Each structure stands twice: as C-alpha cells, then as structure tokens.
N, C-alpha and C. Protein backbone atom coordinates (compact mmCIF):
# COMPACT_ATOMS: atom_id res chain seq x y z
N UNK A 1 -2.94 2.15 -16.38
CA UNK A 1 -1.75 2.74 -15.80
C UNK A 1 -0.70 2.88 -16.89
N UNK A 2 0.08 3.93 -16.79
CA UNK A 2 1.16 4.17 -17.74
C UNK A 2 2.26 3.13 -17.57
N UNK A 3 3.22 3.16 -18.50
CA UNK A 3 4.40 2.29 -18.40
C UNK A 3 5.09 2.53 -17.06
N UNK A 4 5.54 1.47 -16.36
CA UNK A 4 6.19 1.65 -15.05
C UNK A 4 7.47 2.49 -15.16
N UNK A 5 7.73 3.24 -14.11
CA UNK A 5 9.00 3.95 -14.01
C UNK A 5 10.12 2.93 -13.89
N UNK A 6 11.31 3.27 -14.33
CA UNK A 6 12.45 2.37 -14.16
C UNK A 6 13.35 2.96 -13.07
N UNK A 7 13.69 2.13 -12.09
CA UNK A 7 14.54 2.58 -10.99
C UNK A 7 13.80 3.55 -10.09
N UNK A 8 14.53 4.42 -9.46
CA UNK A 8 13.97 5.49 -8.63
C UNK A 8 13.06 4.99 -7.50
N UNK A 9 13.36 3.84 -6.92
CA UNK A 9 12.59 3.32 -5.79
C UNK A 9 13.54 3.20 -4.61
N UNK A 10 13.13 3.74 -3.47
CA UNK A 10 13.95 3.58 -2.27
C UNK A 10 13.06 3.57 -1.03
N UNK A 11 13.59 2.95 0.01
CA UNK A 11 12.90 2.91 1.30
C UNK A 11 13.53 3.95 2.21
N UNK A 12 12.67 4.71 2.88
CA UNK A 12 13.13 5.74 3.80
C UNK A 12 12.77 5.30 5.21
N UNK A 13 13.79 5.16 6.05
CA UNK A 13 13.56 4.91 7.48
C UNK A 13 14.32 5.99 8.24
N UNK A 14 13.61 6.67 9.12
CA UNK A 14 14.21 7.75 9.91
C UNK A 14 14.48 7.20 11.32
N UNK A 15 15.72 6.79 11.55
CA UNK A 15 16.04 6.19 12.86
C UNK A 15 15.89 7.21 13.99
N UNK A 16 16.02 8.49 13.70
CA UNK A 16 15.86 9.51 14.74
C UNK A 16 14.41 9.65 15.19
N UNK A 17 13.48 9.13 14.42
CA UNK A 17 12.06 9.23 14.78
C UNK A 17 11.58 8.03 15.60
N UNK A 18 12.40 7.01 15.74
CA UNK A 18 11.95 5.78 16.41
C UNK A 18 11.70 6.06 17.90
N UNK A 19 10.51 5.67 18.33
CA UNK A 19 10.12 5.82 19.74
C UNK A 19 9.96 4.44 20.35
N UNK A 20 10.81 4.15 21.33
CA UNK A 20 10.75 2.86 22.03
C UNK A 20 9.79 2.98 23.20
N UNK A 21 8.92 1.97 23.33
CA UNK A 21 7.96 1.92 24.42
C UNK A 21 8.16 0.59 25.14
N UNK A 22 8.26 0.64 26.45
CA UNK A 22 8.48 -0.59 27.21
C UNK A 22 7.38 -1.61 26.93
N UNK A 23 7.77 -2.83 26.60
CA UNK A 23 6.86 -3.96 26.36
C UNK A 23 5.88 -3.72 25.22
N UNK A 24 6.25 -2.88 24.27
CA UNK A 24 5.39 -2.64 23.11
C UNK A 24 6.28 -2.41 21.89
N UNK A 25 5.69 -2.57 20.71
CA UNK A 25 6.44 -2.35 19.48
C UNK A 25 6.75 -0.87 19.30
N UNK A 26 7.98 -0.61 18.88
CA UNK A 26 8.41 0.77 18.61
C UNK A 26 7.72 1.29 17.36
N UNK A 27 7.55 2.60 17.32
CA UNK A 27 7.03 3.25 16.13
C UNK A 27 8.11 4.14 15.56
N UNK A 28 7.97 4.48 14.28
CA UNK A 28 8.93 5.36 13.64
C UNK A 28 8.57 5.58 12.18
N UNK A 29 9.24 6.54 11.58
CA UNK A 29 8.97 6.90 10.20
C UNK A 29 9.55 5.84 9.25
N UNK A 30 8.69 5.34 8.37
CA UNK A 30 9.07 4.34 7.37
C UNK A 30 8.13 4.50 6.19
N UNK A 31 8.70 4.81 5.03
CA UNK A 31 7.89 4.92 3.82
C UNK A 31 8.77 4.65 2.61
N UNK A 32 8.16 4.54 1.45
CA UNK A 32 8.86 4.31 0.20
C UNK A 32 8.80 5.58 -0.63
N UNK A 33 9.80 5.79 -1.45
CA UNK A 33 9.79 6.89 -2.41
C UNK A 33 9.95 6.28 -3.80
N UNK A 34 9.05 6.65 -4.68
CA UNK A 34 9.11 6.17 -6.07
C UNK A 34 8.95 7.38 -6.98
N UNK A 35 10.01 7.70 -7.69
CA UNK A 35 9.96 8.80 -8.64
C UNK A 35 9.48 10.11 -8.04
N UNK A 36 9.83 10.38 -6.79
CA UNK A 36 9.42 11.62 -6.14
C UNK A 36 8.12 11.52 -5.35
N UNK A 37 7.39 10.41 -5.46
CA UNK A 37 6.16 10.21 -4.71
C UNK A 37 6.49 9.44 -3.43
N UNK A 38 6.07 9.96 -2.29
CA UNK A 38 6.26 9.27 -1.01
C UNK A 38 5.03 8.43 -0.72
N UNK A 39 5.26 7.14 -0.43
CA UNK A 39 4.16 6.21 -0.20
C UNK A 39 4.35 5.46 1.11
N UNK A 40 3.35 5.39 1.98
CA UNK A 40 2.04 6.01 1.85
C UNK A 40 2.07 7.54 1.91
N UNK A 41 3.05 8.11 2.62
CA UNK A 41 3.16 9.57 2.69
C UNK A 41 4.52 9.92 3.28
N UNK A 42 4.97 11.12 3.02
CA UNK A 42 6.20 11.62 3.63
C UNK A 42 6.01 11.63 5.15
N UNK A 43 6.96 11.08 5.88
CA UNK A 43 6.89 11.06 7.33
C UNK A 43 5.93 10.02 7.89
N UNK A 44 5.52 9.04 7.09
CA UNK A 44 4.58 8.00 7.53
C UNK A 44 5.14 7.28 8.75
N UNK A 45 4.37 7.23 9.83
CA UNK A 45 4.79 6.55 11.05
C UNK A 45 4.06 5.22 11.16
N UNK A 46 4.83 4.18 11.45
CA UNK A 46 4.27 2.83 11.53
C UNK A 46 5.14 2.02 12.49
N UNK A 47 5.17 0.73 12.33
CA UNK A 47 5.93 -0.18 13.18
C UNK A 47 7.09 -0.75 12.36
N UNK A 48 8.21 -0.05 12.29
CA UNK A 48 9.27 -0.44 11.35
C UNK A 48 9.91 -1.79 11.63
N UNK A 49 10.05 -2.20 12.88
CA UNK A 49 10.67 -3.49 13.18
C UNK A 49 9.82 -4.64 12.64
N UNK A 50 8.52 -4.55 12.88
CA UNK A 50 7.59 -5.58 12.40
C UNK A 50 7.58 -5.61 10.88
N UNK A 51 7.37 -4.44 10.27
CA UNK A 51 7.22 -4.38 8.81
C UNK A 51 8.48 -4.85 8.10
N UNK A 52 9.63 -4.37 8.52
CA UNK A 52 10.87 -4.76 7.83
C UNK A 52 11.15 -6.25 8.00
N UNK A 53 10.78 -6.83 9.13
CA UNK A 53 10.90 -8.29 9.29
C UNK A 53 10.05 -9.02 8.26
N UNK A 54 8.81 -8.58 8.11
CA UNK A 54 7.92 -9.20 7.12
C UNK A 54 8.47 -9.01 5.72
N UNK A 55 8.95 -7.79 5.43
CA UNK A 55 9.44 -7.49 4.08
C UNK A 55 10.71 -8.27 3.75
N UNK A 56 11.58 -8.47 4.74
CA UNK A 56 12.76 -9.32 4.52
C UNK A 56 12.32 -10.73 4.12
N UNK A 57 11.36 -11.28 4.86
CA UNK A 57 10.88 -12.63 4.58
C UNK A 57 10.28 -12.73 3.17
N UNK A 58 9.54 -11.71 2.76
CA UNK A 58 8.94 -11.70 1.42
C UNK A 58 10.04 -11.69 0.35
N UNK A 59 11.07 -10.89 0.55
CA UNK A 59 12.16 -10.82 -0.43
C UNK A 59 12.92 -12.14 -0.49
N UNK A 60 13.07 -12.81 0.63
CA UNK A 60 13.74 -14.11 0.64
C UNK A 60 12.96 -15.10 -0.23
N UNK A 61 11.64 -15.12 -0.09
CA UNK A 61 10.83 -16.04 -0.89
C UNK A 61 10.96 -15.75 -2.39
N UNK A 62 11.02 -14.47 -2.75
CA UNK A 62 11.18 -14.11 -4.16
C UNK A 62 12.56 -14.50 -4.65
N UNK A 63 13.60 -14.17 -3.90
CA UNK A 63 14.97 -14.47 -4.32
C UNK A 63 15.22 -15.97 -4.44
N UNK A 64 14.59 -16.77 -3.59
CA UNK A 64 14.76 -18.22 -3.65
C UNK A 64 13.88 -18.86 -4.72
N UNK A 65 13.02 -18.08 -5.35
CA UNK A 65 12.13 -18.62 -6.36
C UNK A 65 10.93 -19.35 -5.78
N UNK A 66 10.67 -19.17 -4.48
CA UNK A 66 9.54 -19.81 -3.82
C UNK A 66 8.23 -19.07 -4.11
N UNK A 67 8.34 -17.83 -4.56
CA UNK A 67 7.18 -17.00 -4.83
C UNK A 67 7.50 -16.06 -5.99
N UNK A 68 6.51 -15.83 -6.83
CA UNK A 68 6.69 -14.85 -7.92
C UNK A 68 6.08 -13.52 -7.57
N UNK A 69 5.25 -13.49 -6.52
CA UNK A 69 4.65 -12.22 -6.11
C UNK A 69 4.43 -12.22 -4.60
N UNK A 70 4.56 -11.05 -4.04
CA UNK A 70 4.38 -10.85 -2.59
C UNK A 70 3.68 -9.52 -2.36
N UNK A 71 2.97 -9.45 -1.24
CA UNK A 71 2.34 -8.19 -0.84
C UNK A 71 3.02 -7.71 0.44
N UNK A 72 3.48 -6.47 0.42
CA UNK A 72 4.10 -5.86 1.58
C UNK A 72 3.09 -4.88 2.18
N UNK A 73 2.62 -5.20 3.35
CA UNK A 73 1.58 -4.39 3.99
C UNK A 73 2.18 -3.40 4.98
N UNK A 74 1.47 -2.33 5.18
CA UNK A 74 1.71 -1.42 6.30
C UNK A 74 0.69 -1.78 7.36
N UNK A 75 1.05 -1.60 8.64
CA UNK A 75 0.12 -1.95 9.71
C UNK A 75 -0.92 -0.86 9.91
N UNK A 76 -0.53 0.39 9.72
CA UNK A 76 -1.47 1.51 9.88
C UNK A 76 -1.95 1.94 8.50
N UNK A 77 -3.25 1.87 8.31
CA UNK A 77 -3.81 2.33 7.04
C UNK A 77 -3.93 1.23 6.01
N UNK A 78 -4.73 1.51 4.98
CA UNK A 78 -5.02 0.52 3.94
C UNK A 78 -4.03 0.57 2.77
N UNK A 79 -2.75 0.46 3.09
CA UNK A 79 -1.72 0.62 2.07
C UNK A 79 -0.88 -0.64 1.95
N UNK A 80 -0.50 -0.96 0.72
CA UNK A 80 0.39 -2.10 0.51
C UNK A 80 1.21 -1.87 -0.75
N UNK A 81 2.25 -2.67 -0.86
CA UNK A 81 3.12 -2.65 -2.02
C UNK A 81 3.12 -4.06 -2.59
N UNK A 82 2.77 -4.18 -3.86
CA UNK A 82 2.76 -5.48 -4.53
C UNK A 82 4.06 -5.65 -5.31
N UNK A 83 4.74 -6.75 -5.06
CA UNK A 83 5.97 -7.08 -5.78
C UNK A 83 5.68 -8.26 -6.71
N UNK A 84 6.04 -8.11 -7.98
CA UNK A 84 5.86 -9.19 -8.94
C UNK A 84 7.16 -9.39 -9.68
N UNK A 85 7.70 -10.60 -9.60
CA UNK A 85 8.97 -10.92 -10.27
C UNK A 85 8.77 -11.02 -11.77
N UNK A 86 9.63 -10.36 -12.52
CA UNK A 86 9.67 -10.41 -13.98
C UNK A 86 11.12 -10.52 -14.39
N UNK A 87 11.55 -11.74 -14.76
CA UNK A 87 12.94 -12.03 -15.06
C UNK A 87 13.78 -11.64 -13.84
N UNK A 88 14.78 -10.79 -13.98
CA UNK A 88 15.60 -10.40 -12.82
C UNK A 88 15.11 -9.09 -12.20
N UNK A 89 13.95 -8.63 -12.62
CA UNK A 89 13.37 -7.38 -12.10
C UNK A 89 12.17 -7.66 -11.23
N UNK A 90 11.71 -6.60 -10.58
CA UNK A 90 10.44 -6.61 -9.86
C UNK A 90 9.58 -5.49 -10.41
N UNK A 91 8.31 -5.78 -10.60
CA UNK A 91 7.33 -4.72 -10.81
C UNK A 91 6.83 -4.39 -9.41
N UNK A 92 6.99 -3.14 -9.02
CA UNK A 92 6.63 -2.68 -7.68
C UNK A 92 5.43 -1.76 -7.84
N UNK A 93 4.27 -2.21 -7.34
CA UNK A 93 3.04 -1.43 -7.44
C UNK A 93 2.66 -0.91 -6.06
N UNK A 94 2.38 0.38 -5.99
CA UNK A 94 2.02 1.05 -4.73
C UNK A 94 0.51 1.20 -4.70
N UNK A 95 -0.14 0.49 -3.77
CA UNK A 95 -1.60 0.36 -3.77
C UNK A 95 -2.21 1.07 -2.57
N UNK A 96 -3.14 1.98 -2.85
CA UNK A 96 -3.93 2.67 -1.84
C UNK A 96 -5.32 2.06 -1.89
N UNK A 97 -5.74 1.41 -0.81
CA UNK A 97 -7.00 0.68 -0.81
C UNK A 97 -8.16 1.49 -0.25
N UNK A 98 -7.98 2.79 -0.06
CA UNK A 98 -9.11 3.61 0.37
C UNK A 98 -10.06 3.76 -0.81
N UNK A 99 -11.25 3.26 -0.67
CA UNK A 99 -12.24 3.37 -1.73
C UNK A 99 -11.99 2.45 -2.90
N UNK A 100 -11.28 1.35 -2.72
CA UNK A 100 -11.00 0.42 -3.81
C UNK A 100 -9.53 0.11 -3.91
N UNK A 101 -9.14 -0.53 -5.00
CA UNK A 101 -7.75 -0.91 -5.25
C UNK A 101 -7.15 0.10 -6.23
N UNK A 102 -6.49 1.12 -5.73
CA UNK A 102 -5.96 2.17 -6.57
C UNK A 102 -4.43 2.09 -6.61
N UNK A 103 -3.88 1.72 -7.77
CA UNK A 103 -2.43 1.71 -7.93
C UNK A 103 -2.00 3.15 -8.21
N UNK A 104 -1.31 3.76 -7.23
CA UNK A 104 -0.94 5.17 -7.36
C UNK A 104 0.39 5.36 -8.08
N UNK A 105 1.21 4.32 -8.11
CA UNK A 105 2.49 4.39 -8.83
C UNK A 105 2.98 2.97 -9.05
N UNK A 106 3.82 2.83 -10.06
CA UNK A 106 4.39 1.53 -10.37
C UNK A 106 5.79 1.76 -10.91
N UNK A 107 6.70 0.85 -10.57
CA UNK A 107 8.08 0.96 -11.05
C UNK A 107 8.61 -0.43 -11.36
N UNK A 108 9.59 -0.47 -12.24
CA UNK A 108 10.29 -1.72 -12.54
C UNK A 108 11.74 -1.52 -12.14
N UNK A 109 12.20 -2.36 -11.21
CA UNK A 109 13.57 -2.25 -10.70
C UNK A 109 14.17 -3.64 -10.57
N UNK A 110 15.48 -3.69 -10.55
CA UNK A 110 16.16 -4.97 -10.35
C UNK A 110 15.84 -5.49 -8.96
N UNK A 111 15.61 -6.79 -8.87
CA UNK A 111 15.22 -7.40 -7.60
C UNK A 111 16.24 -7.11 -6.49
N UNK A 112 17.52 -7.06 -6.83
CA UNK A 112 18.54 -6.84 -5.80
C UNK A 112 18.48 -5.43 -5.24
N UNK A 113 17.99 -4.46 -6.01
CA UNK A 113 17.87 -3.08 -5.52
C UNK A 113 16.89 -3.03 -4.36
N UNK A 114 15.73 -3.64 -4.55
CA UNK A 114 14.71 -3.66 -3.50
C UNK A 114 15.20 -4.47 -2.30
N UNK A 115 15.78 -5.63 -2.55
CA UNK A 115 16.27 -6.48 -1.46
C UNK A 115 17.33 -5.75 -0.63
N UNK A 116 18.26 -5.09 -1.30
CA UNK A 116 19.32 -4.37 -0.57
C UNK A 116 18.76 -3.19 0.21
N UNK A 117 17.77 -2.51 -0.34
CA UNK A 117 17.18 -1.38 0.37
C UNK A 117 16.46 -1.84 1.64
N UNK A 118 15.73 -2.94 1.54
CA UNK A 118 15.07 -3.51 2.72
C UNK A 118 16.12 -3.92 3.74
N UNK A 119 17.20 -4.54 3.27
CA UNK A 119 18.27 -4.97 4.17
C UNK A 119 18.94 -3.77 4.85
N UNK A 120 19.24 -2.72 4.09
CA UNK A 120 19.89 -1.53 4.68
C UNK A 120 18.99 -0.87 5.72
N UNK A 121 17.70 -0.78 5.45
CA UNK A 121 16.77 -0.19 6.42
C UNK A 121 16.72 -1.04 7.69
N UNK A 122 16.71 -2.37 7.52
CA UNK A 122 16.68 -3.28 8.67
C UNK A 122 17.94 -3.14 9.51
N UNK A 123 19.08 -3.09 8.84
CA UNK A 123 20.35 -2.96 9.56
C UNK A 123 20.46 -1.62 10.27
N UNK A 124 19.89 -0.57 9.70
CA UNK A 124 19.89 0.74 10.37
C UNK A 124 19.14 0.65 11.70
N UNK A 125 18.05 -0.08 11.73
CA UNK A 125 17.29 -0.22 12.98
C UNK A 125 18.05 -1.05 14.01
N UNK A 126 18.70 -2.12 13.58
CA UNK A 126 19.44 -2.93 14.54
C UNK A 126 20.64 -2.15 15.10
N UNK A 127 21.29 -1.35 14.26
CA UNK A 127 22.39 -0.49 14.75
C UNK A 127 21.87 0.54 15.75
N UNK A 128 20.69 1.07 15.49
CA UNK A 128 20.08 2.04 16.41
C UNK A 128 19.88 1.41 17.79
N UNK A 129 19.38 0.19 17.82
CA UNK A 129 19.16 -0.50 19.10
C UNK A 129 20.47 -0.68 19.86
N UNK A 130 21.52 -1.03 19.14
CA UNK A 130 22.82 -1.19 19.79
C UNK A 130 23.32 0.15 20.32
N UNK A 131 23.23 1.19 19.51
CA UNK A 131 23.75 2.50 19.90
C UNK A 131 22.99 3.08 21.09
N UNK A 132 21.68 2.89 21.14
CA UNK A 132 20.86 3.47 22.21
C UNK A 132 20.62 2.49 23.34
N UNK A 133 21.17 1.28 23.20
CA UNK A 133 20.95 0.22 24.19
C UNK A 133 19.46 0.05 24.47
N UNK A 134 18.70 0.00 23.38
CA UNK A 134 17.25 -0.19 23.43
C UNK A 134 16.92 -1.50 22.73
N UNK A 135 15.68 -1.91 22.88
CA UNK A 135 15.23 -3.11 22.20
C UNK A 135 13.79 -2.94 21.77
N UNK A 136 13.32 -3.88 21.01
CA UNK A 136 11.95 -3.92 20.54
C UNK A 136 11.52 -5.38 20.59
N UNK A 137 10.26 -5.66 20.91
CA UNK A 137 9.82 -7.05 20.95
C UNK A 137 10.09 -7.82 19.64
N UNK A 138 10.15 -7.12 18.53
CA UNK A 138 10.35 -7.75 17.23
C UNK A 138 11.81 -7.72 16.76
N UNK A 139 12.71 -7.21 17.59
CA UNK A 139 14.11 -7.07 17.18
C UNK A 139 14.75 -8.42 16.83
N UNK A 140 14.50 -9.44 17.63
CA UNK A 140 15.08 -10.76 17.34
C UNK A 140 14.63 -11.30 16.01
N UNK A 141 13.33 -11.16 15.71
CA UNK A 141 12.81 -11.62 14.43
C UNK A 141 13.43 -10.82 13.29
N UNK A 142 13.55 -9.51 13.46
CA UNK A 142 14.14 -8.68 12.41
C UNK A 142 15.59 -9.07 12.16
N UNK A 143 16.35 -9.31 13.22
CA UNK A 143 17.75 -9.73 13.04
C UNK A 143 17.83 -11.05 12.28
N UNK A 144 17.01 -12.01 12.68
CA UNK A 144 17.01 -13.31 12.01
C UNK A 144 16.65 -13.16 10.54
N UNK A 145 15.59 -12.38 10.26
CA UNK A 145 15.14 -12.20 8.88
C UNK A 145 16.17 -11.45 8.05
N UNK A 146 16.77 -10.41 8.62
CA UNK A 146 17.76 -9.63 7.85
C UNK A 146 19.04 -10.45 7.64
N UNK A 147 19.44 -11.26 8.61
CA UNK A 147 20.59 -12.15 8.42
C UNK A 147 20.32 -13.15 7.29
N UNK A 148 19.10 -13.69 7.26
CA UNK A 148 18.73 -14.63 6.21
C UNK A 148 18.71 -13.94 4.85
N UNK A 149 18.18 -12.73 4.80
CA UNK A 149 18.15 -11.99 3.53
C UNK A 149 19.56 -11.69 3.05
N UNK A 150 20.44 -11.28 3.96
CA UNK A 150 21.83 -11.01 3.59
C UNK A 150 22.48 -12.27 3.01
N UNK A 151 22.23 -13.42 3.63
CA UNK A 151 22.79 -14.68 3.16
C UNK A 151 22.26 -15.04 1.77
N UNK A 152 20.95 -14.91 1.57
CA UNK A 152 20.35 -15.25 0.28
C UNK A 152 20.87 -14.28 -0.79
N UNK A 153 21.00 -13.01 -0.46
CA UNK A 153 21.55 -12.04 -1.42
C UNK A 153 22.97 -12.39 -1.81
N UNK A 154 23.78 -12.79 -0.84
CA UNK A 154 25.18 -13.10 -1.14
C UNK A 154 25.30 -14.35 -2.01
N UNK A 155 24.33 -15.26 -1.90
CA UNK A 155 24.35 -16.48 -2.71
C UNK A 155 23.68 -16.28 -4.07
N UNK A 156 22.94 -15.19 -4.20
CA UNK A 156 22.19 -14.95 -5.42
C UNK A 156 23.11 -14.65 -6.58
N UNK A 157 22.76 -15.17 -7.73
CA UNK A 157 23.54 -14.94 -8.94
C UNK A 157 23.12 -13.65 -9.63
N UNK A 158 22.00 -13.04 -9.16
CA UNK A 158 21.51 -11.84 -9.82
C UNK A 158 22.31 -10.63 -9.37
N UNK A 159 22.63 -9.79 -10.31
CA UNK A 159 23.31 -8.53 -10.02
C UNK A 159 22.60 -7.42 -10.75
N UNK A 160 22.86 -6.20 -10.32
CA UNK A 160 22.21 -5.05 -10.97
C UNK A 160 22.71 -4.87 -12.37
C-alpha cells in the first residue's frame, strides 16, 4: 500500500434517510469518506445507532490508552475500519473483506479528528430523535457512549 493520506477523513450520516421501525433498530445512511472514496459506498445503509455506539466506545478505549488498535465494523456486509494509534494520530485503514483482507484506502489523521467526527454523527442522531419525537432501541446506549466520549475528549490533552 502507498503512503497513507493525511487528513481528509470524515463520517457521513444522513439524518433524513433514517427510518424508524417500531421495536426494531432504525436504518439509515452512514459511511466514511477518505480522500474522495466513500466507504463502504456512497449512500451505504446500515444501523447507525448501533454502529456509532460501538464506535464511540472504541474511541474511548483509544483516548484513554486502554487500546492501541480497534476495529470498527459495519453490520451489513464484510466491511470494517481498523484504527491504530501512532503517537497523537490514528492510522485509519478501510478494509473490504470480500475475497480476502483488502485495504482499499488508508489515512493518517489526528485522533481527535476521528473522535469528534464520531461524536458529531452520534449527536446528530440524538437530535433527530428529539426533533421527530422518535426513538431507537439503541438510543440510550448511544447517548451514554457519546456522553462518555465527549467527557473523555474534553479531558484529553491531545489537540489537532
């Protein structure tokens, strides 16, 4: 693989796409963009409340120094994002597991950039629930995880 891209990593959550289903997890568009590549794909639909809760927890472990690497999975499809701490940065590898372990893109970004993006996506979903007076079975977990991530970020000495 070539040298990792620097920066240019963001999480895309489309709150207008979220579909609430009674007594089931909501679905909606959630994907990552790295240097113009959408991963797993542009408009990828998955379970954003569940995934963002897991991703918040993974970032907390990295920020607290409890883990040097984490895997962020998608529920639909064989896709994951590997995070590896390197000093105050993260190496972010986008892995497509169809037919093997294929790293389709890699970037190096400051750990706080990824943490804040996960937090902003999580908060967008919680605001959506308030605005639409809707809920999701995983909403409580997402709120707890995003509150914890916000707290750890505010205590963190790392800055961009």
